[in-house]
Amino acid sequence: MYAKVVGAFNDTAKKILGKVKGKPAKEWLTDTTWKLVEERRNLKPKRRENAESRRHYNFLCREIKRQSQLDKDSYLRSLCEQVEKAHMQKKSKEIYDGVRRITGKRAR
């Protein structure tokens, strides 16, 4: 009886609410970085099969780390340029929005 109630509850919740989504993706990651992530995800179950796949998996991990750092740096540079342009044009709302996006802090 209990299992039927739980099953009905879960089925209804899936139909109405849908699948639970994870955290939003980092907006600074580029398509090339996402392709590397997908390649690593596909290689992960096979990494223990031989030394070559393990080396390639480790290479992908390092490459993703390096590429994501470059992506984040270029993203922050573009945000800083936008804030500087807004400062030159004396648009205070855009300045504050840009600074909030750079620092990751919200107003209390």
PDB file of N, CA and C in Angstrom:
ATOM      1  N   MET A   1       0.828  -1.193   0.000  1.00  0.00           N
ATOM      2  CA  MET A   1       0.000   0.000   0.000  1.00  0.00           C
ATOM      3  C   MET A   1       0.880   1.267   0.000  1.00  0.00           C
ATOM      4  N   TYR A   2       1.860   1.275   0.900  1.00  0.00           N
ATOM      5  CA  TYR A   2       2.751   2.430   0.997  1.00  0.00           C
ATOM      6  C   TYR A   2       3.516   2.651  -0.309  1.00  0.00           C
ATOM      7  N   ALA A   3       3.996   1.573  -0.920  1.00  0.00           N
ATOM      8  CA  ALA A   3       4.757   1.670  -2.164  1.00  0.00           C
ATOM      9  C   ALA A   3       3.905   2.250  -3.288  1.00  0.00           C
ATOM     10  N   LYS A   4       2.621   1.908  -3.325  1.00  0.00           N
ATOM     11  CA  LYS A   4       1.724   2.442  -4.355  1.00  0.00           C
ATOM     12  C   LYS A   4       1.524   3.946  -4.183  1.00  0.00           C
ATOM     13  N   VAL A   5       1.372   4.376  -2.947  1.00  0.00           N
ATOM     14  CA  VAL A   5       1.177   5.809  -2.679  1.00  0.00           C
ATOM     15  C   VAL A   5       2.432   6.587  -3.065  1.00  0.00           C
ATOM     16  N   VAL A   6       3.582   6.081  -2.670  1.00  0.00           N
ATOM     17  CA  VAL A   6       4.840   6.756  -2.998  1.00  0.00           C
ATOM     18  C   VAL A   6       5.047   6.778  -4.507  1.00  0.00           C
ATOM     19  N   GLY A   7       4.759   5.670  -5.184  1.00  0.00           N
ATOM     20  CA  GLY A   7       4.902   5.612  -6.640  1.00  0.00           C
ATOM     21  C   GLY A   7       3.980   6.587  -7.345  1.00  0.00           C
ATOM     22  N   ALA A   8       2.720   6.660  -6.898  1.00  0.00           N
ATOM     23  CA  ALA A   8       1.771   7.599  -7.499  1.00  0.00           C
ATOM     24  C   ALA A   8       2.217   9.039  -7.260  1.00  0.00           C
ATOM     25  N   PHE A   9       2.691   9.305  -6.059  1.00  0.00           N
ATOM     26  CA  PHE A   9       3.165  10.652  -5.736  1.00  0.00           C
ATOM     27  C   PHE A   9       4.350  11.046  -6.617  1.00  0.00           C
ATOM     28  N   ASN A  10       5.310  10.148  -6.762  1.00  0.00           N
ATOM     29  CA  ASN A  10       6.499  10.430  -7.568  1.00  0.00           C
ATOM     30  C   ASN A  10       6.150  10.592  -9.049  1.00  0.00           C
ATOM     31  N   ASP A  11       5.272   9.739  -9.567  1.00  0.00           N
ATOM     32  CA  ASP A  11       4.868   9.853 -10.972  1.00  0.00           C
ATOM     33  C   ASP A  11       4.176  11.178 -11.245  1.00  0.00           C
ATOM     34  N   THR A  12       3.290  11.575 -10.363  1.00  0.00           N
ATOM     35  CA  THR A  12       2.575  12.842 -10.528  1.00  0.00           C
ATOM     36  C   THR A  12       3.544  14.021 -10.444  1.00  0.00           C
ATOM     37  N   ALA A  13       4.470  13.947  -9.519  1.00  0.00           N
ATOM     38  CA  ALA A  13       5.449  15.028  -9.375  1.00  0.00           C
ATOM     39  C   ALA A  13       6.308  15.155 -10.627  1.00  0.00           C
ATOM     40  N   LYS A  14       6.723  14.017 -11.217  1.00  0.00           N
ATOM     41  CA  LYS A  14       7.531  14.064 -12.435  1.00  0.00           C
ATOM     42  C   LYS A  14       6.758  14.663 -13.600  1.00  0.00           C
ATOM     43  N   LYS A  15       5.465  14.311 -13.700  1.00  0.00           N
ATOM     44  CA  LYS A  15       4.644  14.827 -14.793  1.00  0.00           C
ATOM     45  C   LYS A  15       4.415  16.329 -14.652  1.00  0.00           C
ATOM     46  N   ILE A  16       4.125  16.775 -13.457  1.00  0.00           N
ATOM     47  CA  ILE A  16       3.764  18.183 -13.254  1.00  0.00           C
ATOM     48  C   ILE A  16       5.004  19.063 -13.130  1.00  0.00           C
ATOM     49  N   LEU A  17       5.933  18.665 -12.296  1.00  0.00           N
ATOM     50  CA  LEU A  17       7.103  19.503 -12.036  1.00  0.00           C
ATOM     51  C   LEU A  17       8.209  19.314 -13.059  1.00  0.00           C
ATOM     52  N   GLY A  18       8.314  18.143 -13.642  1.00  0.00           N
ATOM     53  CA  GLY A  18       9.381  17.888 -14.604  1.00  0.00           C
ATOM     54  C   GLY A  18      10.658  17.476 -13.903  1.00  0.00           C
ATOM     55  N   LYS A  19      11.708  17.361 -14.684  1.00  0.00           N
ATOM     56  CA  LYS A  19      12.996  16.935 -14.166  1.00  0.00           C
ATOM     57  C   LYS A  19      13.678  18.083 -13.438  1.00  0.00           C
ATOM     58  N   VAL A  20      14.329  17.772 -12.346  1.00  0.00           N
ATOM     59  CA  VAL A  20      15.055  18.781 -11.581  1.00  0.00           C
ATOM     60  C   VAL A  20      16.317  19.150 -12.344  1.00  0.00           C
ATOM     61  N   LYS A  21      16.508  20.427 -12.558  1.00  0.00           N
ATOM     62  CA  LYS A  21      17.682  20.896 -13.278  1.00  0.00           C
ATOM     63  C   LYS A  21      18.790  21.214 -12.291  1.00  0.00           C
ATOM     64  N   GLY A  22      20.020  21.031 -12.743  1.00  0.00           N
ATOM     65  CA  GLY A  22      21.182  21.311 -11.910  1.00  0.00           C
ATOM     66  C   GLY A  22      21.494  22.798 -11.880  1.00  0.00           C
ATOM     67  N   LYS A  23      22.661  23.104 -11.442  1.00  0.00           N
ATOM     68  CA  LYS A  23      23.098  24.492 -11.388  1.00  0.00           C
ATOM     69  C   LYS A  23      23.220  25.048 -12.805  1.00  0.00           C
ATOM     70  N   PRO A  24      23.020  26.346 -12.966  1.00  0.00           N
ATOM     71  CA  PRO A  24      23.205  26.917 -14.303  1.00  0.00           C
ATOM     72  C   PRO A  24      24.676  26.858 -14.706  1.00  0.00           C
ATOM     73  N   ALA A  25      24.900  26.731 -15.990  1.00  0.00           N
ATOM     74  CA  ALA A  25      26.265  26.629 -16.507  1.00  0.00           C
ATOM     75  C   ALA A  25      26.991  27.960 -16.336  1.00  0.00           C
ATOM     76  N   LYS A  26      28.274  27.882 -16.190  1.00  0.00           N
ATOM     77  CA  LYS A  26      29.084  29.093 -16.100  1.00  0.00           C
ATOM     78  C   LYS A  26      29.004  29.819 -17.431  1.00  0.00           C
ATOM     79  N   GLU A  27      28.664  31.081 -17.378  1.00  0.00           N
ATOM     80  CA  GLU A  27      28.438  31.813 -18.622  1.00  0.00           C
ATOM     81  C   GLU A  27      29.718  32.164 -19.354  1.00  0.00           C
ATOM     82  N   TRP A  28      30.844  32.039 -18.684  1.00  0.00           N
ATOM     83  CA  TRP A  28      32.095  32.423 -19.366  1.00  0.00           C
ATOM     84  C   TRP A  28      32.724  31.271 -20.151  1.00  0.00           C
ATOM     85  N   LEU A  29      32.251  30.058 -19.991  1.00  0.00           N
ATOM     86  CA  LEU A  29      32.842  28.938 -20.714  1.00  0.00           C
ATOM     87  C   LEU A  29      32.461  28.968 -22.187  1.00  0.00           C
ATOM     88  N   THR A  30      33.444  28.754 -23.044  1.00  0.00           N
ATOM     89  CA  THR A  30      33.205  28.781 -24.480  1.00  0.00           C
ATOM     90  C   THR A  30      32.823  27.394 -24.989  1.00  0.00           C
ATOM     91  N   ASP A  31      32.432  27.347 -26.256  1.00  0.00           N
ATOM     92  CA  ASP A  31      32.021  26.077 -26.863  1.00  0.00           C
ATOM     93  C   ASP A  31      33.177  25.074 -26.927  1.00  0.00           C
ATOM     94  N   THR A  32      34.385  25.559 -27.157  1.00  0.00           N
ATOM     95  CA  THR A  32      35.521  24.635 -27.218  1.00  0.00           C
ATOM     96  C   THR A  32      35.750  23.968 -25.868  1.00  0.00           C
ATOM     97  N   THR A  33      35.583  24.714 -24.793  1.00  0.00           N
ATOM     98  CA  THR A  33      35.738  24.136 -23.460  1.00  0.00           C
ATOM     99  C   THR A  33      34.646  23.104 -23.201  1.00  0.00           C
ATOM    100  N   TRP A  34      33.417  23.416 -23.623  1.00  0.00           N
ATOM    101  CA  TRP A  34      32.324  22.460 -23.430  1.00  0.00           C
ATOM    102  C   TRP A  34      32.556  21.183 -24.234  1.00  0.00           C
ATOM    103  N   LYS A  35      33.173  21.304 -25.418  1.00  0.00           N
ATOM    104  CA  LYS A  35      33.481  20.103 -26.205  1.00  0.00           C
ATOM    105  C   LYS A  35      34.515  19.239 -25.490  1.00  0.00           C
ATOM    106  N   LEU A  36      35.511  19.892 -24.873  1.00  0.00           N
ATOM    107  CA  LEU A  36      36.502  19.147 -24.105  1.00  0.00           C
ATOM    108  C   LEU A  36      35.851  18.448 -22.906  1.00  0.00           C
ATOM    109  N   VAL A  37      34.915  19.127 -22.266  1.00  0.00           N
ATOM    110  CA  VAL A  37      34.217  18.534 -21.126  1.00  0.00           C
ATOM    111  C   VAL A  37      33.427  17.303 -21.565  1.00  0.00           C
ATOM    112  N   GLU A  38      32.744  17.416 -22.707  1.00  0.00           N
ATOM    113  CA  GLU A  38      31.990  16.276 -23.224  1.00  0.00           C
ATOM    114  C   GLU A  38      32.908  15.104 -23.575  1.00  0.00           C
ATOM    115  N   GLU A  39      34.049  15.419 -24.177  1.00  0.00           N
ATOM    116  CA  GLU A  39      34.996  14.358 -24.528  1.00  0.00           C
ATOM    117  C   GLU A  39      35.512  13.660 -23.272  1.00  0.00           C
ATOM    118  N   ARG A  40      35.809  14.452 -22.241  1.00  0.00           N
ATOM    119  CA  ARG A  40      36.270  13.863 -20.984  1.00  0.00           C
ATOM    120  C   ARG A  40      35.174  13.028 -20.334  1.00  0.00           C
ATOM    121  N   ARG A  41      33.942  13.502 -20.400  1.00  0.00           N
ATOM    122  CA  ARG A  41      32.818  12.770 -19.828  1.00  0.00           C
ATOM    123  C   ARG A  41      32.640  11.416 -20.515  1.00  0.00           C
ATOM    124  N   ASN A  42      32.831  11.387 -21.834  1.00  0.00           N
ATOM    125  CA  ASN A  42      32.712  10.126 -22.567  1.00  0.00           C
ATOM    126  C   ASN A  42      33.884   9.181 -22.277  1.00  0.00           C
ATOM    127  N   LEU A  43      35.050   9.754 -22.003  1.00  0.00           N
ATOM    128  CA  LEU A  43      36.244   8.949 -21.764  1.00  0.00           C
ATOM    129  C   LEU A  43      36.339   8.443 -20.324  1.00  0.00           C
ATOM    130  N   LYS A  44      35.626   9.062 -19.411  1.00  0.00           N
ATOM    131  CA  LYS A  44      35.768   8.734 -17.996  1.00  0.00           C
ATOM    132  C   LYS A  44      35.544   7.251 -17.677  1.00  0.00           C
ATOM    133  N   PRO A  45      34.496   6.589 -18.189  1.00  0.00           N
ATOM    134  CA  PRO A  45      34.342   5.166 -17.849  1.00  0.00           C
ATOM    135  C   PRO A  45      35.436   4.273 -18.435  1.00  0.00           C
ATOM    136  N   LYS A  46      36.100   4.716 -19.486  1.00  0.00           N
ATOM    137  CA  LYS A  46      37.113   3.902 -20.163  1.00  0.00           C
ATOM    138  C   LYS A  46      38.533   4.187 -19.689  1.00  0.00           C
ATOM    139  N   ARG A  47      38.687   5.127 -18.769  1.00  0.00           N
ATOM    140  CA  ARG A  47      40.035   5.577 -18.411  1.00  0.00           C
ATOM    141  C   ARG A  47      40.873   4.513 -17.719  1.00  0.00           C
ATOM    142  N   ARG A  48      40.263   3.520 -17.112  1.00  0.00           N
ATOM    143  CA  ARG A  48      41.019   2.492 -16.409  1.00  0.00           C
ATOM    144  C   ARG A  48      41.384   1.297 -17.297  1.00  0.00           C
ATOM    145  N   GLU A  49      40.964   1.327 -18.537  1.00  0.00           N
ATOM    146  CA  GLU A  49      41.210   0.184 -19.430  1.00  0.00           C
ATOM    147  C   GLU A  49      42.681   0.032 -19.810  1.00  0.00           C
ATOM    148  N   ASN A  50      43.326   1.155 -20.144  1.00  0.00           N
ATOM    149  CA  ASN A  50      44.744   1.060 -20.495  1.00  0.00           C
ATOM    150  C   ASN A  50      45.439   2.381 -20.168  1.00  0.00           C
ATOM    151  N   ALA A  51      46.750   2.369 -20.296  1.00  0.00           N
ATOM    152  CA  ALA A  51      47.547   3.537 -19.914  1.00  0.00           C
ATOM    153  C   ALA A  51      47.315   4.709 -20.863  1.00  0.00           C
ATOM    154  N   GLU A  52      47.084   4.418 -22.134  1.00  0.00           N
ATOM    155  CA  GLU A  52      46.878   5.488 -23.115  1.00  0.00           C
ATOM    156  C   GLU A  52      45.607   6.280 -22.819  1.00  0.00           C
ATOM    157  N   SER A  53      44.527   5.589 -22.506  1.00  0.00           N
ATOM    158  CA  SER A  53      43.274   6.293 -22.204  1.00  0.00           C
ATOM    159  C   SER A  53      43.408   7.077 -20.900  1.00  0.00           C
ATOM    160  N   ARG A  54      44.150   6.559 -19.935  1.00  0.00           N
ATOM    161  CA  ARG A  54      44.373   7.282 -18.678  1.00  0.00           C
ATOM    162  C   ARG A  54      45.174   8.561 -18.927  1.00  0.00           C
ATOM    163  N   ARG A  55      46.215   8.450 -19.767  1.00  0.00           N
ATOM    164  CA  ARG A  55      47.006   9.644 -20.095  1.00  0.00           C
ATOM    165  C   ARG A  55      46.164  10.680 -20.822  1.00  0.00           C
ATOM    166  N   HIS A  56      45.326  10.220 -21.749  1.00  0.00           N
ATOM    167  CA  HIS A  56      44.477  11.155 -22.492  1.00  0.00           C
ATOM    168  C   HIS A  56      43.458  11.811 -21.561  1.00  0.00           C
ATOM    169  N   TYR A  57      42.903  11.044 -20.637  1.00  0.00           N
ATOM    170  CA  TYR A  57      41.953  11.599 -19.668  1.00  0.00           C
ATOM    171  C   TYR A  57      42.627  12.667 -18.808  1.00  0.00           C
ATOM    172  N   ASN A  58      43.823  12.379 -18.327  1.00  0.00           N
ATOM    173  CA  ASN A  58      44.562  13.356 -17.515  1.00  0.00           C
ATOM    174  C   ASN A  58      44.910  14.592 -18.326  1.00  0.00           C
ATOM    175  N   PHE A  59      45.273  14.399 -19.584  1.00  0.00           N
ATOM    176  CA  PHE A  59      45.541  15.534 -20.469  1.00  0.00           C
ATOM    177  C   PHE A  59      44.292  16.399 -20.617  1.00  0.00           C
ATOM    178  N   LEU A  60      43.132  15.753 -20.813  1.00  0.00           N
ATOM    179  CA  LEU A  60      41.889  16.514 -20.960  1.00  0.00           C
ATOM    180  C   LEU A  60      41.571  17.293 -19.686  1.00  0.00           C
ATOM    181  N   CYS A  61      41.818  16.705 -18.540  1.00  0.00           N
ATOM    182  CA  CYS A  61      41.575  17.409 -17.272  1.00  0.00           C
ATOM    183  C   CYS A  61      42.422  18.678 -17.185  1.00  0.00           C
ATOM    184  N   ARG A  62      43.694  18.534 -17.514  1.00  0.00           N
ATOM    185  CA  ARG A  62      44.578  19.708 -17.477  1.00  0.00           C
ATOM    186  C   ARG A  62      44.161  20.745 -18.514  1.00  0.00           C
ATOM    187  N   GLU A  63      43.785  20.286 -19.701  1.00  0.00           N
ATOM    188  CA  GLU A  63      43.409  21.197 -20.782  1.00  0.00           C
ATOM    189  C   GLU A  63      42.121  21.947 -20.439  1.00  0.00           C
ATOM    190  N   ILE A  64      41.174  21.264 -19.837  1.00  0.00           N
ATOM    191  CA  ILE A  64      39.925  21.915 -19.431  1.00  0.00           C
ATOM    192  C   ILE A  64      40.202  22.979 -18.386  1.00  0.00           C
ATOM    193  N   LYS A  65      41.057  22.655 -17.432  1.00  0.00           N
ATOM    194  CA  LYS A  65      41.406  23.627 -16.390  1.00  0.00           C
ATOM    195  C   LYS A  65      42.065  24.863 -16.996  1.00  0.00           C
ATOM    196  N   ARG A  66      43.005  24.625 -17.902  1.00  0.00           N
ATOM    197  CA  ARG A  66      43.714  25.741 -18.541  1.00  0.00           C
ATOM    198  C   ARG A  66      42.767  26.576 -19.397  1.00  0.00           C
ATOM    199  N   GLN A  67      41.945  25.900 -20.203  1.00  0.00           N
ATOM    200  CA  GLN A  67      41.041  26.587 -21.112  1.00  0.00           C
ATOM    201  C   GLN A  67      39.968  27.369 -20.345  1.00  0.00           C
ATOM    202  N   SER A  68      39.452  26.795 -19.269  1.00  0.00           N
ATOM    203  CA  SER A  68      38.420  27.489 -18.507  1.00  0.00           C
ATOM    204  C   SER A  68      38.987  28.731 -17.827  1.00  0.00           C
ATOM    205  N   GLN A  69      40.241  28.666 -17.385  1.00  0.00           N
ATOM    206  CA  GLN A  69      40.871  29.850 -16.796  1.00  0.00           C
ATOM    207  C   GLN A  69      41.046  30.947 -17.846  1.00  0.00           C
ATOM    208  N   LEU A  70      41.453  30.562 -19.053  1.00  0.00           N
ATOM    209  CA  LEU A  70      41.578  31.548 -20.132  1.00  0.00           C
ATOM    210  C   LEU A  70      40.212  32.153 -20.474  1.00  0.00           C
ATOM    211  N   ASP A  71      39.182  31.312 -20.510  1.00  0.00           N
ATOM    212  CA  ASP A  71      37.833  31.794 -20.799  1.00  0.00           C
ATOM    213  C   ASP A  71      37.365  32.785 -19.744  1.00  0.00           C
ATOM    214  N   LYS A  72      37.623  32.453 -18.484  1.00  0.00           N
ATOM    215  CA  LYS A  72      37.189  33.340 -17.403  1.00  0.00           C
ATOM    216  C   LYS A  72      37.940  34.662 -17.435  1.00  0.00           C
ATOM    217  N   ASP A  73      39.238  34.602 -17.721  1.00  0.00           N
ATOM    218  CA  ASP A  73      40.018  35.833 -17.811  1.00  0.00           C
ATOM    219  C   ASP A  73      39.499  36.740 -18.924  1.00  0.00           C
ATOM    220  N   SER A  74      39.225  36.159 -20.096  1.00  0.00           N
ATOM    221  CA  SER A  74      38.718  36.984 -21.199  1.00  0.00           C
ATOM    222  C   SER A  74      37.327  37.519 -20.894  1.00  0.00           C
ATOM    223  N   TYR A  75      36.506  36.717 -20.207  1.00  0.00           N
ATOM    224  CA  TYR A  75      35.165  37.173 -19.810  1.00  0.00           C
ATOM    225  C   TYR A  75      35.264  38.362 -18.848  1.00  0.00           C
ATOM    226  N   LEU A  76      36.145  38.254 -17.850  1.00  0.00           N
ATOM    227  CA  LEU A  76      36.295  39.349 -16.890  1.00  0.00           C
ATOM    228  C   LEU A  76      36.877  40.595 -17.554  1.00  0.00           C
ATOM    229  N   ARG A  77      37.787  40.404 -18.507  1.00  0.00           N
ATOM    230  CA  ARG A  77      38.331  41.558 -19.224  1.00  0.00           C
ATOM    231  C   ARG A  77      37.237  42.284 -20.014  1.00  0.00           C
ATOM    232  N   SER A  78      36.370  41.514 -20.650  1.00  0.00           N
ATOM    233  CA  SER A  78      35.289  42.152 -21.420  1.00  0.00           C
ATOM    234  C   SER A  78      34.318  42.871 -20.483  1.00  0.00           C
ATOM    235  N   LEU A  79      34.055  42.290 -19.312  1.00  0.00           N
ATOM    236  CA  LEU A  79      33.198  42.984 -18.345  1.00  0.00           C
ATOM    237  C   LEU A  79      33.844  44.283 -17.872  1.00  0.00           C
ATOM    238  N   CYS A  80      35.150  44.244 -17.637  1.00  0.00           N
ATOM    239  CA  CYS A  80      35.855  45.457 -17.210  1.00  0.00           C
ATOM    240  C   CYS A  80      35.806  46.527 -18.296  1.00  0.00           C
ATOM    241  N   GLU A  81      35.951  46.107 -19.554  1.00  0.00           N
ATOM    242  CA  GLU A  81      35.850  47.069 -20.653  1.00  0.00           C
ATOM    243  C   GLU A  81      34.458  47.681 -20.723  1.00  0.00           C
ATOM    244  N   GLN A  82      33.434  46.879 -20.495  1.00  0.00           N
ATOM    245  CA  GLN A  82      32.065  47.405 -20.498  1.00  0.00           C
ATOM    246  C   GLN A  82      31.867  48.409 -19.372  1.00  0.00           C
ATOM    247  N   VAL A  83      32.436  48.120 -18.195  1.00  0.00           N
ATOM    248  CA  VAL A  83      32.318  49.038 -17.060  1.00  0.00           C
ATOM    249  C   VAL A  83      33.058  50.342 -17.376  1.00  0.00           C
ATOM    250  N   GLU A  84      34.214  50.243 -18.007  1.00  0.00           N
ATOM    251  CA  GLU A  84      34.962  51.453 -18.363  1.00  0.00           C
ATOM    252  C   GLU A  84      34.191  52.302 -19.379  1.00  0.00           C
ATOM    253  N   LYS A  85      33.573  51.647 -20.373  1.00  0.00           N
ATOM    254  CA  LYS A  85      32.763  52.384 -21.349  1.00  0.00           C
ATOM    255  C   LYS A  85      31.591  53.060 -20.664  1.00  0.00           C
ATOM    256  N   ALA A  86      30.947  52.346 -19.752  1.00  0.00           N
ATOM    257  CA  ALA A  86      29.812  52.920 -19.026  1.00  0.00           C
ATOM    258  C   ALA A  86      30.269  54.100 -18.164  1.00  0.00           C
ATOM    259  N   HIS A  87      31.478  53.997 -17.614  1.00  0.00           N
ATOM    260  CA  HIS A  87      32.013  55.098 -16.814  1.00  0.00           C
ATOM    261  C   HIS A  87      32.263  56.335 -17.685  1.00  0.00           C
ATOM    262  N   MET A  88      32.796  56.115 -18.878  1.00  0.00           N
ATOM    263  CA  MET A  88      33.040  57.237 -19.780  1.00  0.00           C
ATOM    264  C   MET A  88      31.728  57.905 -20.201  1.00  0.00           C
ATOM    265  N   GLN A  89      30.670  57.087 -20.334  1.00  0.00           N
ATOM    266  CA  GLN A  89      29.368  57.621 -20.748  1.00  0.00           C
ATOM    267  C   GLN A  89      28.520  58.052 -19.554  1.00  0.00           C
ATOM    268  N   LYS A  90      29.072  57.903 -18.350  1.00  0.00           N
ATOM    269  CA  LYS A  90      28.415  58.288 -17.097  1.00  0.00           C
ATOM    270  C   LYS A  90      27.074  57.594 -16.911  1.00  0.00           C
ATOM    271  N   LYS A  91      27.091  56.280 -17.131  1.00  0.00           N
ATOM    272  CA  LYS A  91      25.898  55.452 -16.924  1.00  0.00           C
ATOM    273  C   LYS A  91      26.109  54.653 -15.636  1.00  0.00           C
ATOM    274  N   SER A  92      25.648  55.207 -14.534  1.00  0.00           N
ATOM    275  CA  SER A  92      25.949  54.618 -13.236  1.00  0.00           C
ATOM    276  C   SER A  92      25.274  53.261 -13.023  1.00  0.00           C
ATOM    277  N   LYS A  93      24.083  53.069 -13.541  1.00  0.00           N
ATOM    278  CA  LYS A  93      23.408  51.776 -13.360  1.00  0.00           C
ATOM    279  C   LYS A  93      24.205  50.654 -14.013  1.00  0.00           C
ATOM    280  N   GLU A  94      24.701  50.901 -15.227  1.00  0.00           N
ATOM    281  CA  GLU A  94      25.503  49.883 -15.910  1.00  0.00           C
ATOM    282  C   GLU A  94      26.828  49.641 -15.184  1.00  0.00           C
ATOM    283  N   ILE A  95      27.387  50.681 -14.598  1.00  0.00           N
ATOM    284  CA  ILE A  95      28.636  50.534 -13.843  1.00  0.00           C
ATOM    285  C   ILE A  95      28.411  49.612 -12.651  1.00  0.00           C
ATOM    286  N   TYR A  96      27.367  49.899 -11.873  1.00  0.00           N
ATOM    287  CA  TYR A  96      27.100  49.091 -10.691  1.00  0.00           C
ATOM    288  C   TYR A  96      26.734  47.651 -11.053  1.00  0.00           C
ATOM    289  N   ASP A  97      25.966  47.480 -12.120  1.00  0.00           N
ATOM    290  CA  ASP A  97      25.634  46.115 -12.563  1.00  0.00           C
ATOM    291  C   ASP A  97      26.887  45.353 -12.975  1.00  0.00           C
ATOM    292  N   GLY A  98      27.780  46.015 -13.701  1.00  0.00           N
ATOM    293  CA  GLY A  98      29.018  45.373 -14.131  1.00  0.00           C
ATOM    294  C   GLY A  98      29.909  44.996 -12.962  1.00  0.00           C
ATOM    295  N   VAL A  99      30.016  45.896 -11.983  1.00  0.00           N
ATOM    296  CA  VAL A  99      30.849  45.614 -10.808  1.00  0.00           C
ATOM    297  C   VAL A  99      30.250  44.447 -10.027  1.00  0.00           C
ATOM    298  N   ARG A 100      28.938  44.393  -9.918  1.00  0.00           N
ATOM    299  CA  ARG A 100      28.295  43.268  -9.225  1.00  0.00           C
ATOM    300  C   ARG A 100      28.561  41.951  -9.944  1.00  0.00           C
ATOM    301  N   ARG A 101      28.527  41.980 -11.269  1.00  0.00           N
ATOM    302  CA  ARG A 101      28.794  40.752 -12.024  1.00  0.00           C
ATOM    303  C   ARG A 101      30.250  40.328 -11.885  1.00  0.00           C
ATOM    304  N   ILE A 102      31.159  41.279 -11.823  1.00  0.00           N
ATOM    305  CA  ILE A 102      32.578  40.953 -11.687  1.00  0.00           C
ATOM    306  C   ILE A 102      32.853  40.380 -10.294  1.00  0.00           C
ATOM    307  N   THR A 103      32.337  41.020  -9.261  1.00  0.00           N
ATOM    308  CA  THR A 103      32.621  40.586  -7.896  1.00  0.00           C
ATOM    309  C   THR A 103      31.754  39.415  -7.474  1.00  0.00           C
ATOM    310  N   GLY A 104      30.623  39.229  -8.115  1.00  0.00           N
ATOM    311  CA  GLY A 104      29.735  38.128  -7.748  1.00  0.00           C
ATOM    312  C   GLY A 104      28.914  38.402  -6.512  1.00  0.00           C
ATOM    313  N   LYS A 105      28.844  39.654  -6.110  1.00  0.00           N
ATOM    314  CA  LYS A 105      28.097  40.017  -4.894  1.00  0.00           C
ATOM    315  C   LYS A 105      26.831  40.760  -5.284  1.00  0.00           C
ATOM    316  N   ARG A 106      25.815  40.553  -4.512  1.00  0.00           N
ATOM    317  CA  ARG A 106      24.528  41.230  -4.713  1.00  0.00           C
ATOM    318  C   ARG A 106      24.298  42.221  -3.598  1.00  0.00           C
ATOM    319  N   ALA A 107      23.470  43.227  -3.871  1.00  0.00           N
ATOM    320  CA  ALA A 107      23.130  44.209  -2.843  1.00  0.00           C
ATOM    321  C   ALA A 107      22.298  43.551  -1.764  1.00  0.00           C
ATOM    322  N   ARG A 108      22.480  43.993  -0.546  1.00  0.00           N
ATOM    323  CA  ARG A 108      21.715  43.403   0.560  1.00  0.00           C
ATOM    324  C   ARG A 108      20.357  43.968   0.651  1.00  0.00           C
TER     325      ARG A 108
END
